[in-house]
């Protein structure tokens, strides 16, 4: 099902087959519950829509079923996330770019409560 809302924002109309997302790579984790008929429908539809607009899939869309319990959801999502992080590290290494830090540096400056807003 093709989204028809805000097509002008993507410079697309019915007469042209422009692909504004060519060169864009996406990775989607589709969340849902197999308890319902539309399991992960939004994420799967989003994948199809982005691909139809020219995006390529960095990896197959991952589905996360809430019926499997929270720990299994977290495991699947963390596996998906780790794959993306590893892919990005490899891409940056190939381009000779410095690696991004995996954690945000913490500020060592302590602001006295009298200066805090």
Foldseek 3Di string as FASTA:
>chain_A
DEDDPPVVVQVDDPPDQAQSCAVAEDEAEQEAAPVDPCQSVVRVVVVVHNVSSHYHYPDPHHYAHCVVDDVSSVVSVVVSVVVVLVVVQVVCVVVVHDRDDPDDDDDPDDDPPVPDD
